Protein backbone atom coordinates (compact mmCIF):
# COMPACT_ATOMS: atom_id res chain seq x y z
CA MET A 1 98.77 113.79 82.52
CA ARG A 2 96.98 110.84 84.08
CA SER A 3 93.45 110.59 85.38
CA LEU A 4 93.02 109.51 88.99
CA PRO A 5 91.50 106.08 89.58
CA ILE A 6 89.32 106.01 92.69
CA PRO A 7 89.32 102.76 94.70
CA PRO A 8 85.87 101.16 95.05
CA ASP A 9 85.82 101.58 98.83
CA LEU A 10 86.35 105.36 98.40
CA LYS A 11 83.37 105.45 96.04
CA ASP A 12 81.30 103.59 98.63
CA PHE A 13 82.35 106.16 101.23
CA ALA A 14 81.28 109.01 98.94
CA ARG A 15 77.91 107.34 98.23
CA VAL A 16 77.05 107.39 101.94
CA LEU A 17 77.33 111.19 101.94
CA ILE A 18 75.75 111.66 98.51
CA ASP A 19 72.77 109.41 99.32
CA ALA A 20 72.19 111.56 102.42
CA GLY A 21 71.94 114.66 100.21
CA PHE A 22 75.49 115.98 100.61
CA ARG A 23 78.40 116.51 98.27
CA CYS A 24 81.75 114.74 98.60
CA TYR A 25 85.12 115.32 96.93
CA ILE A 26 88.60 113.86 97.21
CA VAL A 27 91.03 116.73 97.84
CA GLY A 28 94.66 117.56 98.53
CA GLY A 29 97.71 115.38 98.07
CA ALA A 30 95.85 112.35 96.77
CA VAL A 31 94.59 114.33 93.77
CA ARG A 32 97.99 115.90 93.15
CA ASP A 33 99.95 112.65 93.40
CA GLY A 34 97.37 110.65 91.48
CA LEU A 35 97.53 113.08 88.54
CA LEU A 36 101.33 112.81 88.62
CA GLY A 37 101.18 109.01 88.63
CA ARG A 38 102.74 108.83 92.08
CA PRO A 39 101.61 106.24 94.65
CA VAL A 40 98.58 107.30 96.69
CA SER A 41 97.87 105.71 100.07
CA ASP A 42 96.04 108.39 102.06
CA TYR A 43 92.86 110.10 100.90
CA ASP A 44 91.31 113.28 102.34
CA ALA A 45 87.72 114.23 101.68
CA ALA A 46 85.84 117.55 101.65
CA THR A 47 82.09 117.79 102.03
CA ASP A 48 79.28 120.27 102.69
CA ALA A 49 78.02 117.95 105.45
CA PRO A 50 78.54 119.52 108.91
CA PRO A 51 80.82 117.50 111.22
CA GLU A 52 77.82 116.36 113.29
CA GLU A 53 76.18 114.90 110.18
CA VAL A 54 79.39 113.06 109.25
CA ARG A 55 79.46 111.58 112.74
CA ARG A 56 75.82 110.53 112.39
CA LEU A 57 76.33 108.88 108.99
CA PHE A 58 79.40 106.80 109.86
CA ARG A 59 79.76 104.35 112.72
CA ARG A 60 83.42 104.96 113.55
CA VAL A 61 84.48 108.61 113.58
CA ILE A 62 87.31 110.29 115.51
CA PRO A 63 86.79 114.03 116.20
CA THR A 64 90.40 114.90 115.36
CA GLY A 65 89.81 118.61 114.69
CA ILE A 66 86.07 119.00 115.00
CA GLN A 67 86.27 122.66 116.07
CA HIS A 68 87.74 123.35 112.63
CA GLY A 69 85.33 121.03 110.84
CA THR A 70 87.62 118.00 110.57
CA VAL A 71 86.86 114.43 111.66
CA THR A 72 88.57 111.17 110.74
CA VAL A 73 86.27 108.48 109.40
CA LEU A 74 87.46 104.90 109.87
CA TRP A 75 86.13 103.15 106.79
CA LYS A 76 86.99 99.68 105.47
CA GLY A 77 90.54 99.77 106.76
CA ARG A 78 91.15 103.41 105.83
CA SER A 79 91.42 106.58 107.90
CA ILE A 80 89.77 109.29 105.81
CA GLU A 81 90.27 112.82 107.11
CA THR A 82 86.99 114.51 106.26
CA THR A 83 86.59 118.29 106.43
CA THR A 84 83.49 120.41 106.02
CA PHE A 85 83.69 123.18 103.40
CA ARG A 86 84.71 126.29 105.32
CA ARG A 87 85.89 129.86 105.24
CA GLU A 88 88.70 130.98 107.55
CA ALA A 89 89.64 134.35 109.02
CA GLY A 90 92.45 135.62 111.24
CA TYR A 91 95.64 133.64 111.88
CA SER A 92 97.08 135.25 115.00
CA ASP A 93 99.19 132.21 115.92
CA GLY A 94 100.55 131.76 112.39
CA ARG A 95 99.05 128.30 112.14
CA ARG A 96 95.33 127.99 112.89
CA PRO A 97 92.45 130.25 111.89
CA ASP A 98 90.95 132.37 114.64
CA ARG A 99 87.50 131.94 113.12
CA VAL A 100 85.97 129.18 110.99
CA GLU A 101 82.67 129.49 109.14
CA PHE A 102 80.91 126.48 107.65
CA GLY A 103 78.50 126.71 104.76
CA ALA A 104 81.12 127.75 102.20
CA SER A 105 81.13 126.52 98.63
CA LEU A 106 83.73 124.05 97.37
CA GLU A 107 85.41 126.88 95.45
CA GLU A 108 85.65 129.00 98.60
CA ASP A 109 87.06 126.04 100.48
CA LEU A 110 89.76 125.53 97.85
CA GLU A 111 90.72 129.21 98.04
CA ARG A 112 92.06 128.75 101.58
CA ARG A 113 94.57 126.09 100.54
CA ASP A 114 98.30 126.74 100.21
CA PHE A 115 99.36 125.93 96.64
CA THR A 116 97.49 125.46 93.39
CA ILE A 117 98.69 121.87 93.05
CA ASN A 118 96.96 121.16 96.40
CA ALA A 119 93.80 123.13 95.59
CA MET A 120 92.09 120.65 93.29
CA ALA A 121 89.11 118.41 94.06
CA LEU A 122 87.89 115.24 92.40
CA GLU A 123 84.29 114.04 92.40
CA PRO A 124 84.74 110.32 93.23
CA LEU A 125 81.79 108.89 91.30
CA SER A 126 82.07 110.84 88.04
CA GLY A 127 85.82 111.50 88.09
CA ALA A 128 85.18 115.20 87.36
CA LEU A 129 88.07 117.48 88.37
CA VAL A 130 87.38 120.85 90.00
CA ASP A 131 90.43 123.04 89.42
CA PRO A 132 89.69 126.76 89.86
CA HIS A 133 93.35 127.79 90.23
CA ASP A 134 94.87 125.78 87.34
CA GLY A 135 96.66 123.35 89.60
CA ARG A 136 96.69 120.77 86.83
CA GLY A 137 98.41 123.28 84.58
CA ASP A 138 101.01 123.96 87.26
CA LEU A 139 101.62 120.23 87.55
CA ALA A 140 102.29 120.15 83.82
CA ARG A 141 104.54 123.21 84.14
CA ARG A 142 106.21 121.64 87.18
CA LEU A 143 105.57 124.71 89.31
CA VAL A 144 104.81 125.31 92.97
CA ARG A 145 102.60 128.42 93.04
CA ALA A 146 100.66 129.90 95.94
CA VAL A 147 96.90 130.22 95.71
CA GLY A 148 96.24 133.94 95.30
CA GLU A 149 98.77 136.23 97.02
CA ALA A 150 101.74 134.29 98.34
CA ALA A 151 102.36 136.77 101.17
CA GLU A 152 98.82 136.23 102.47
CA ARG A 153 99.10 132.44 102.30
CA PHE A 154 102.45 132.53 104.13
CA ASP A 155 101.11 134.85 106.82
CA GLU A 156 98.27 132.41 107.50
CA ASP A 157 100.68 129.58 108.31
CA GLY A 158 104.37 130.15 108.93
CA LEU A 159 105.20 126.62 107.79
CA ARG A 160 103.99 127.21 104.24
CA PRO A 161 107.26 128.74 102.94
CA LEU A 162 109.08 125.56 103.95
CA ARG A 163 106.30 123.45 102.45
CA ALA A 164 106.80 125.27 99.14
CA ILE A 165 110.46 124.30 99.26
CA ARG A 166 109.62 120.76 100.31
CA PHE A 167 107.25 120.25 97.38
CA ALA A 168 109.85 121.66 94.98
CA SER A 169 112.43 119.24 96.36
CA GLN A 170 110.13 116.24 96.59
CA LEU A 171 108.59 116.67 93.12
CA GLY A 172 111.58 118.15 91.31
CA PHE A 173 109.56 121.33 90.60
CA GLU A 174 110.50 125.00 90.46
CA ILE A 175 108.89 127.55 92.75
CA GLU A 176 106.97 130.18 90.80
CA ALA A 177 108.83 133.52 90.90
CA ALA A 178 106.32 135.55 92.93
CA THR A 179 105.91 132.71 95.43
CA LEU A 180 109.69 132.36 95.84
CA GLU A 181 110.15 136.12 96.23
CA ALA A 182 107.58 136.16 99.07
CA ILE A 183 109.55 133.71 101.25
CA PRO A 184 112.20 136.07 102.75
CA ALA A 185 109.55 138.48 104.05
CA ALA A 186 107.73 135.53 105.64
CA LEU A 187 110.73 134.39 107.72
CA PRO A 188 109.61 136.18 110.93
CA ARG A 189 106.36 134.20 110.79
CA PHE A 190 108.31 131.04 109.89
CA SER A 191 110.63 131.47 112.90
CA GLY A 192 107.65 130.85 115.21
CA VAL A 193 106.86 127.42 113.75
CA SER A 194 107.15 124.59 116.26
CA ALA A 195 110.18 122.32 116.07
CA GLU A 196 107.98 119.26 115.49
CA ARG A 197 106.27 120.73 112.41
CA LEU A 198 109.58 121.97 111.02
CA ARG A 199 111.13 118.52 111.50
CA VAL A 200 108.39 116.78 109.50
CA GLU A 201 108.99 118.99 106.44
CA PHE A 202 112.77 118.84 106.85
CA GLU A 203 112.68 115.04 106.91
CA LYS A 204 110.65 114.98 103.70
CA ILE A 205 113.25 117.22 102.03
CA LEU A 206 116.02 114.89 103.22
CA LEU A 207 114.24 111.86 101.78
CA SER A 208 113.61 113.40 98.37
CA ASP A 209 115.64 112.22 95.38
CA GLU A 210 117.89 115.28 95.54
CA PRO A 211 117.84 116.81 99.03
CA SER A 212 120.33 119.50 98.04
CA ARG A 213 117.65 121.03 95.81
CA GLY A 214 115.51 121.92 98.81
CA LEU A 215 118.46 122.81 101.04
CA ARG A 216 119.82 125.24 98.44
CA LEU A 217 116.40 126.89 98.21
CA MET A 218 116.42 127.20 101.99
CA GLU A 219 119.80 128.91 101.78
CA LYS A 220 118.77 131.18 98.89
CA THR A 221 115.70 132.44 100.75
CA GLY A 222 117.44 132.91 104.11
CA MET A 223 115.52 130.06 105.69
CA LEU A 224 118.61 127.93 106.30
CA ALA A 225 120.14 130.56 108.59
CA VAL A 226 116.89 130.71 110.59
CA ALA A 227 116.19 126.98 110.89
CA LEU A 228 119.66 125.41 110.68
CA PRO A 229 122.24 128.11 111.49
CA GLU A 230 124.97 125.53 112.13
CA LEU A 231 124.63 124.37 108.54
CA ALA A 232 124.46 127.89 107.10
CA ALA A 233 127.76 128.69 108.91
CA CYS A 234 129.52 126.12 106.70
CA ARG A 235 129.15 128.35 103.61
CA GLY A 236 132.49 129.80 102.51
CA VAL A 237 134.59 127.55 104.78
CA GLU A 238 137.21 126.42 102.27
CA GLN A 239 138.95 123.06 102.59
CA LYS A 240 141.34 122.68 99.63
CA GLY A 241 143.44 119.51 99.51
CA PHE A 242 141.36 116.67 98.06
CA HIS A 243 138.14 118.64 98.43
CA ARG A 244 136.52 120.31 95.44
CA PHE A 245 134.00 122.26 97.51
CA ASP A 246 133.60 124.42 100.57
CA VAL A 247 132.14 122.66 103.61
CA LEU A 248 128.48 123.41 102.84
CA ASP A 249 128.65 122.27 99.22
CA HIS A 250 130.53 119.17 100.38
CA LEU A 251 127.74 118.36 102.85
CA LEU A 252 125.06 118.94 100.22
CA ALA A 253 126.83 116.65 97.78
CA SER A 254 127.27 114.05 100.53
CA VAL A 255 123.60 114.01 101.48
CA ASP A 256 122.62 113.58 97.82
CA ALA A 257 124.97 110.58 97.62
CA ALA A 258 123.70 108.90 100.82
CA PRO A 259 121.09 106.11 100.72
CA LYS A 260 117.45 107.14 101.28
CA ASP A 261 117.48 106.44 104.99
CA PRO A 262 116.70 109.15 107.59
CA VAL A 263 119.68 108.33 109.81
CA LEU A 264 122.16 108.10 106.95
CA ARG A 265 120.88 111.25 105.26
CA LEU A 266 121.12 113.18 108.55
CA ALA A 267 124.61 111.83 109.27
CA ALA A 268 125.78 112.74 105.77
CA LEU A 269 124.39 116.27 106.12
CA LEU A 270 125.81 116.88 109.59
CA HIS A 271 129.10 114.97 109.67
CA ASP A 272 131.30 118.04 109.15
CA LEU A 273 129.30 120.63 111.09
CA GLY A 274 132.30 121.22 113.36
CA LYS A 275 134.69 122.27 110.61
CA PRO A 276 134.01 126.04 110.83
CA ALA A 277 134.87 125.99 114.55
CA THR A 278 138.01 123.83 114.16
CA ARG A 279 139.51 125.25 110.96
CA VAL A 280 143.19 126.22 111.26
CA GLU A 281 145.08 127.39 108.18
CA GLY A 282 148.71 126.32 107.97
CA SER A 283 151.60 128.38 106.66
CA ASP A 284 151.21 126.59 103.32
CA GLY A 285 147.61 127.82 103.05
CA VAL A 286 146.14 124.33 103.56
CA ALA A 287 143.48 124.17 106.25
CA SER A 288 143.27 121.48 108.91
CA PHE A 289 140.28 120.55 111.06
CA HIS A 290 141.76 118.64 113.99
CA ARG A 291 139.19 116.46 115.80
CA HIS A 292 136.35 118.15 113.98
CA GLU A 293 134.36 114.94 114.29
CA GLU A 294 133.97 115.50 118.04
CA VAL A 295 132.75 119.07 117.58
CA SER A 296 130.50 117.92 114.72
CA ALA A 297 128.97 115.24 116.95
CA ARG A 298 128.21 117.77 119.70
CA GLN A 299 126.66 120.25 117.26
CA ALA A 300 124.67 117.50 115.53
CA ALA A 301 123.33 116.39 118.93
CA GLU A 302 122.19 119.92 119.73
CA LEU A 303 120.55 120.40 116.32
CA LEU A 304 118.70 117.09 116.50
CA ARG A 305 117.51 117.79 120.05
CA ARG A 306 116.29 121.22 118.99
CA LEU A 307 114.25 119.71 116.15
CA ARG A 308 112.81 117.07 118.49
CA PHE A 309 114.09 114.06 116.60
CA PRO A 310 113.45 110.77 118.44
CA ASN A 311 116.17 109.84 120.90
CA ALA A 312 117.06 106.69 118.97
CA VAL A 313 117.64 108.72 115.79
CA GLN A 314 119.72 111.26 117.70
CA ASP A 315 121.91 108.53 119.19
CA GLU A 316 122.51 106.77 115.86
CA VAL A 317 123.30 109.93 113.92
CA VAL A 318 125.65 111.33 116.58
CA HIS A 319 127.46 107.98 116.82
CA LEU A 320 128.04 107.84 113.06
CA VAL A 321 129.21 111.46 112.95
CA ARG A 322 131.65 110.83 115.79
CA GLN A 323 133.08 107.71 114.14
CA HIS A 324 133.26 108.88 110.52
CA MET A 325 136.98 109.74 110.56
CA PHE A 326 138.55 106.29 110.30
CA PHE A 327 141.48 105.47 108.02
CA TYR A 328 142.04 101.81 107.32
CA GLU A 329 145.42 100.58 106.15
CA GLU A 330 146.54 97.04 105.41
CA GLY A 331 149.02 97.36 108.26
CA TRP A 332 146.23 97.32 110.84
CA THR A 333 146.79 94.51 113.34
CA ASP A 334 143.99 92.12 114.24
CA ALA A 335 143.81 93.96 117.57
CA ALA A 336 143.26 97.24 115.69
CA VAL A 337 140.38 95.66 113.77
CA ARG A 338 138.85 94.41 117.02
CA ARG A 339 139.19 97.87 118.58
CA PHE A 340 137.53 99.44 115.54
CA LEU A 341 134.65 96.99 115.86
CA ALA A 342 134.38 97.55 119.61
CA ARG A 343 134.26 101.32 119.10
CA VAL A 344 131.79 101.32 116.19
CA GLY A 345 129.67 98.32 117.08
CA PRO A 346 129.21 95.37 114.70
CA SER A 347 125.61 96.35 113.91
CA LYS A 348 126.67 99.89 112.86
CA VAL A 349 129.53 99.00 110.52
CA GLU A 350 127.52 98.96 107.29
CA ALA A 351 125.86 102.29 108.14
CA LEU A 352 129.29 103.80 108.82
CA PHE A 353 130.58 102.42 105.52
CA ALA A 354 127.59 103.95 103.71
CA LEU A 355 128.42 107.30 105.34
CA ARG A 356 132.06 106.93 104.31
CA LEU A 357 131.06 106.38 100.67
CA ALA A 358 128.71 109.38 100.73
CA ASP A 359 131.46 111.49 102.32
CA ALA A 360 133.93 110.41 99.64
CA ALA A 361 131.43 111.14 96.85
CA GLY A 362 130.85 114.57 98.37
CA THR A 363 134.59 115.21 98.36
CA VAL A 364 135.18 114.56 94.66
CA GLY A 365 131.69 115.36 93.37
CA ALA A 366 131.14 111.91 91.82
CA PRO A 367 130.25 108.37 92.92
CA VAL A 368 133.12 106.32 94.33
CA ASP A 369 133.89 102.61 94.08
CA PRO A 370 132.24 100.82 97.04
CA ARG A 371 134.76 97.99 96.70
CA SER A 372 137.37 100.22 98.35
CA LEU A 373 135.95 99.10 101.71
CA ASP A 374 136.05 95.39 100.92
CA PRO A 375 139.48 94.67 102.53
CA LEU A 376 138.33 96.03 105.89
CA ARG A 377 134.94 94.36 105.50
CA ARG A 378 136.62 90.95 104.98
CA ARG A 379 138.78 91.37 108.07
CA ILE A 380 135.76 92.38 110.13
CA GLU A 381 133.88 89.30 108.94
CA ARG A 382 136.76 87.08 110.11
CA VAL A 383 136.75 88.69 113.56
CA ILE A 384 132.98 88.26 113.91
CA GLU A 385 133.17 84.63 112.76
CA ALA A 386 135.80 83.97 115.44
CA GLU A 387 133.29 85.17 118.07
CA GLU A 388 135.97 87.16 119.86
CA ALA A 389 135.06 89.56 122.65
CA LEU A 390 134.22 93.05 121.39
CA GLY A 391 132.35 94.54 124.35
CA LEU A 392 131.98 94.27 128.10
CA LYS A 393 129.11 91.81 127.72
CA ASP A 394 131.49 89.43 125.93
CA LEU A 395 133.98 89.23 128.82
CA ALA A 396 134.20 85.94 130.70
CA ILE A 397 133.58 87.81 133.97
CA GLY A 398 131.41 90.75 134.95
CA GLY A 399 130.54 92.94 137.90
CA ALA A 400 129.42 90.06 140.10
CA GLU A 401 132.78 88.30 139.86
CA LEU A 402 134.68 91.52 140.53
CA ALA A 403 132.47 92.32 143.52
CA ALA A 404 133.30 88.88 144.92
CA ILE A 405 137.00 89.80 145.08
CA GLY A 406 136.37 93.12 146.74
CA VAL A 407 135.80 95.57 143.88
CA PRO A 408 133.05 98.00 144.92
CA LYS A 409 130.33 98.91 142.46
CA GLY A 410 130.87 102.31 140.89
CA PRO A 411 133.33 104.16 138.66
CA ALA A 412 136.32 102.08 139.75
CA MET A 413 134.60 98.85 138.69
CA GLY A 414 133.70 100.40 135.34
CA ARG A 415 137.28 101.49 134.70
CA LEU A 416 138.64 98.10 135.73
CA LEU A 417 136.24 96.30 133.36
CA ALA A 418 137.26 98.67 130.55
CA GLU A 419 140.91 97.81 131.16
CA LEU A 420 140.11 94.10 131.08
CA LEU A 421 138.34 94.59 127.76
CA GLU A 422 141.41 96.36 126.37
CA THR A 423 143.48 93.36 127.45
CA VAL A 424 141.15 90.95 125.67
CA LEU A 425 141.02 93.09 122.53
CA ASP A 426 144.81 92.84 122.41
CA ASP A 427 144.85 89.11 123.15
CA PRO A 428 141.55 87.18 122.94
CA GLU A 429 143.14 84.17 124.67
CA GLN A 430 143.06 86.11 127.95
CA ASN A 431 139.26 85.94 127.97
CA THR A 432 138.83 83.23 130.59
CA ALA A 433 137.47 83.77 134.07
CA GLU A 434 140.66 82.53 135.75
CA ARG A 435 142.99 84.76 133.74
CA LEU A 436 140.83 87.86 133.97
CA LEU A 437 140.42 87.51 137.73
CA ARG A 438 144.17 87.16 138.11
CA ILE A 439 144.71 90.29 135.99
CA ALA A 440 142.00 92.17 137.90
CA ARG A 441 143.58 91.32 141.26
CA GLY A 442 146.90 92.59 139.97
CA ILE A 443 145.56 95.99 138.85
CA MET A 444 143.17 96.63 141.73
CA PRO A 445 145.73 98.71 143.68
CA LYS A 446 145.93 101.11 140.72
CA TYR A 447 142.30 101.99 141.43
CA GLY A 448 142.80 102.29 145.20
CA ILE A 449 141.33 98.85 145.96
CA THR A 450 143.09 96.40 148.25
CA PRO A 451 142.99 92.83 146.90
CA PRO A 452 141.80 90.08 149.26
CA LEU A 453 144.40 87.93 150.97
CA GLY A 454 145.15 84.77 149.08
CA GLY A 455 144.25 84.06 145.50
CA VAL A 456 140.96 83.86 143.70
CA ASN A 457 139.34 80.83 142.23
CA ALA A 458 137.84 80.58 138.76
CA GLY A 459 134.42 81.46 140.15
CA GLY A 460 135.69 84.77 141.49
CA GLN A 461 135.60 83.73 145.15
CA ALA A 462 138.57 84.61 147.32
CA ALA A 463 140.56 81.47 148.03
CA GLU A 464 140.91 80.50 151.67
CA GLU A 465 144.35 80.91 153.30
CA LYS A 466 145.95 77.57 154.10
CA PRO A 467 146.92 77.12 157.77
């Protein structure tokens, strides 16, 4: 296992504390990842200096959690979270200690940490490793093991059971038996974790090399049913036909096959959420899932809102889930290709294709040939090169021109514009102001609007009646 090189600016930071008569250690994830040879960008420090002394010694300090002994030192382009050695007692909210005592030793400070692989400290100047719980040995054994009694660590912070699973997924480790066995009993405490904290760990699982590893551990321990019940409901929903797996295993295989992108991984995991609710078994024993993509999109939207994902992520994922059931055939007309593009959006096509490939890989349990999408991709490229109208903004007229011929703003105008777009998608040559205004005038009565007397000119103005 590797030693951890300490950047010179971190050594300079430590010297400020040491020269003032205090001790300073690098702790937490930086030590763990450095020993594993993984990239390290963020460094946390632990010291016996009280928070007030840290603030006195450094010019730029943010009191991020000063009541718990934590400040953030801004040092030579870094943000170093610096925490005073402490003891903790009482965790009534399942997250923060009720009481913090400073003046602890480094060893006492490390005892309060979650897992042995996170309970190591490195002296920056000498490179000496302090490892009272054999975290380095657990790294070599590829184990996630709680410090001391797992049940006690999990009761202190309800997020820790999910963090154990996240580390196992992210690092490709196993969870030590006693630590794994303690997770089901900790689920009541876990159920009180805020959606924001849960989302952060869930995203890290999704972006690991093999997300299914963590998701299967969540299922095994009962955590999946607590945190993501819609996903847990997919277990045992058989599909047959081309599918090798039930719906849950299909989704897990799909998310493993998707590119390492948060939106694509979420879309791959959630694209068939609606299958349990839409499953109908035919007389031949083959199940169908009519319009499951619509139900899946609604359930995905609710799940993402519940976990407080950003609105932009919610919108992208739900859009991909709703559009994932497309079936291209060579017989598609050019108008069909334009409608596909208008529905999906040119900027979303490649993401939808990536989801399709992940979905297909999750169906057969093996990678699929990406060239299968090339025929549709080539036709899309031709449509885009032709600069044909694909959305309302591409029409030769808009609301102002329709208002000029008597169309009131509101739902009727929106429906009329949508019909004009359908006309142009069928026949791009109709996309001129003169033709669209003529068509609009002809269909206005259908929407309860009386056209103006006389014709309309190309600018949308009603033509004057001749005497």
